[in-house]
Amino acid sequence: MEITAIKAWQVDLPLKEVRYSWSNGNFVEVFDSTVVAIETDEGLTG
């Protein structure tokens, strides 16, 4: 089995709570995440 492709996507995942507060008045409304897919010559993707 050999890797034939590696794909990556950047996605912003919205928070269920709408906003998460940090110290000093900082907050986030989405989490910056990365999704990676690895494909093989046998047709597997994961």
C-alpha atoms as a PDB file:
ATOM      1  CA  MET A   1       0.000   0.000   0.000  1.00  0.00           C
ATOM      2  CA  GLU A   2       1.335   3.430  -0.953  1.00  0.00           C
ATOM      3  CA  ILE A   3       0.061   6.926  -0.253  1.00  0.00           C
ATOM      4  CA  THR A   4      -1.144   8.546  -3.471  1.00  0.00           C
ATOM      5  CA  ALA A   5      -2.470  11.860  -2.148  1.00  0.00           C
ATOM      6  CA  ILE A   6      -2.621  13.996   0.953  1.00  0.00           C
ATOM      7  CA  LYS A   7      -5.281  16.698   1.060  1.00  0.00           C
ATOM      8  CA  ALA A   8      -5.824  19.321   3.750  1.00  0.00           C
ATOM      9  CA  TRP A   9      -8.609  21.830   4.342  1.00  0.00           C
ATOM     10  CA  GLN A  10      -8.810  24.685   6.816  1.00  0.00           C
ATOM     11  CA  VAL A  11     -12.248  24.964   8.418  1.00  0.00           C
ATOM     12  CA  ASP A  12     -13.740  27.299  11.000  1.00  0.00           C
ATOM     13  CA  LEU A  13     -15.916  25.365  13.418  1.00  0.00           C
ATOM     14  CA  PRO A  14     -18.578  27.589  15.025  1.00  0.00           C
ATOM     15  CA  LEU A  15     -18.996  27.234  18.760  1.00  0.00           C
ATOM     16  CA  LYS A  16     -22.257  25.803  20.067  1.00  0.00           C
ATOM     17  CA  GLU A  17     -22.172  28.454  22.817  1.00  0.00           C
ATOM     18  CA  VAL A  18     -21.659  31.188  20.142  1.00  0.00           C
ATOM     19  CA  ARG A  19     -18.744  32.776  22.052  1.00  0.00           C
ATOM     20  CA  TYR A  20     -16.037  31.544  24.423  1.00  0.00           C
ATOM     21  CA  SER A  21     -14.498  34.220  26.660  1.00  0.00           C
ATOM     22  CA  TRP A  22     -10.836  34.317  27.670  1.00  0.00           C
ATOM     23  CA  SER A  23      -9.071  36.663  30.068  1.00  0.00           C
ATOM     24  CA  ASN A  24      -8.555  40.383  29.365  1.00  0.00           C
ATOM     25  CA  GLY A  25     -11.801  40.578  27.370  1.00  0.00           C
ATOM     26  CA  ASN A  26     -10.551  38.260  24.606  1.00  0.00           C
ATOM     27  CA  PHE A  27     -12.948  35.770  23.034  1.00  0.00           C
ATOM     28  CA  VAL A  28     -13.351  33.328  20.152  1.00  0.00           C
ATOM     29  CA  GLU A  29     -16.461  32.548  18.124  1.00  0.00           C
ATOM     30  CA  VAL A  30     -14.968  29.774  15.947  1.00  0.00           C
ATOM     31  CA  PHE A  31     -12.191  27.244  16.341  1.00  0.00           C
ATOM     32  CA  ASP A  32      -9.656  27.233  13.509  1.00  0.00           C
ATOM     33  CA  SER A  33      -9.259  23.561  12.578  1.00  0.00           C
ATOM     34  CA  THR A  34      -7.574  21.465   9.902  1.00  0.00           C
ATOM     35  CA  VAL A  35      -9.037  18.376   8.235  1.00  0.00           C
ATOM     36  CA  VAL A  36      -6.570  15.999   6.543  1.00  0.00           C
ATOM     37  CA  ALA A  37      -7.379  13.117   4.154  1.00  0.00           C
ATOM     38  CA  ILE A  38      -4.781  10.544   3.122  1.00  0.00           C
ATOM     39  CA  GLU A  39      -5.536   8.421   0.034  1.00  0.00           C
ATOM     40  CA  THR A  40      -3.862   5.140  -0.923  1.00  0.00           C
ATOM     41  CA  ASP A  41      -3.369   3.202  -4.129  1.00  0.00           C
ATOM     42  CA  GLU A  42      -5.788   0.579  -2.749  1.00  0.00           C
ATOM     43  CA  GLY A  43      -8.668   3.074  -2.703  1.00  0.00           C
ATOM     44  CA  LEU A  44      -8.638   3.718   1.044  1.00  0.00           C
ATOM     45  CA  THR A  45      -9.120   7.226   2.400  1.00  0.00           C
ATOM     46  CA  GLY A  46      -8.795   8.206   6.012  1.00  0.00           C
END
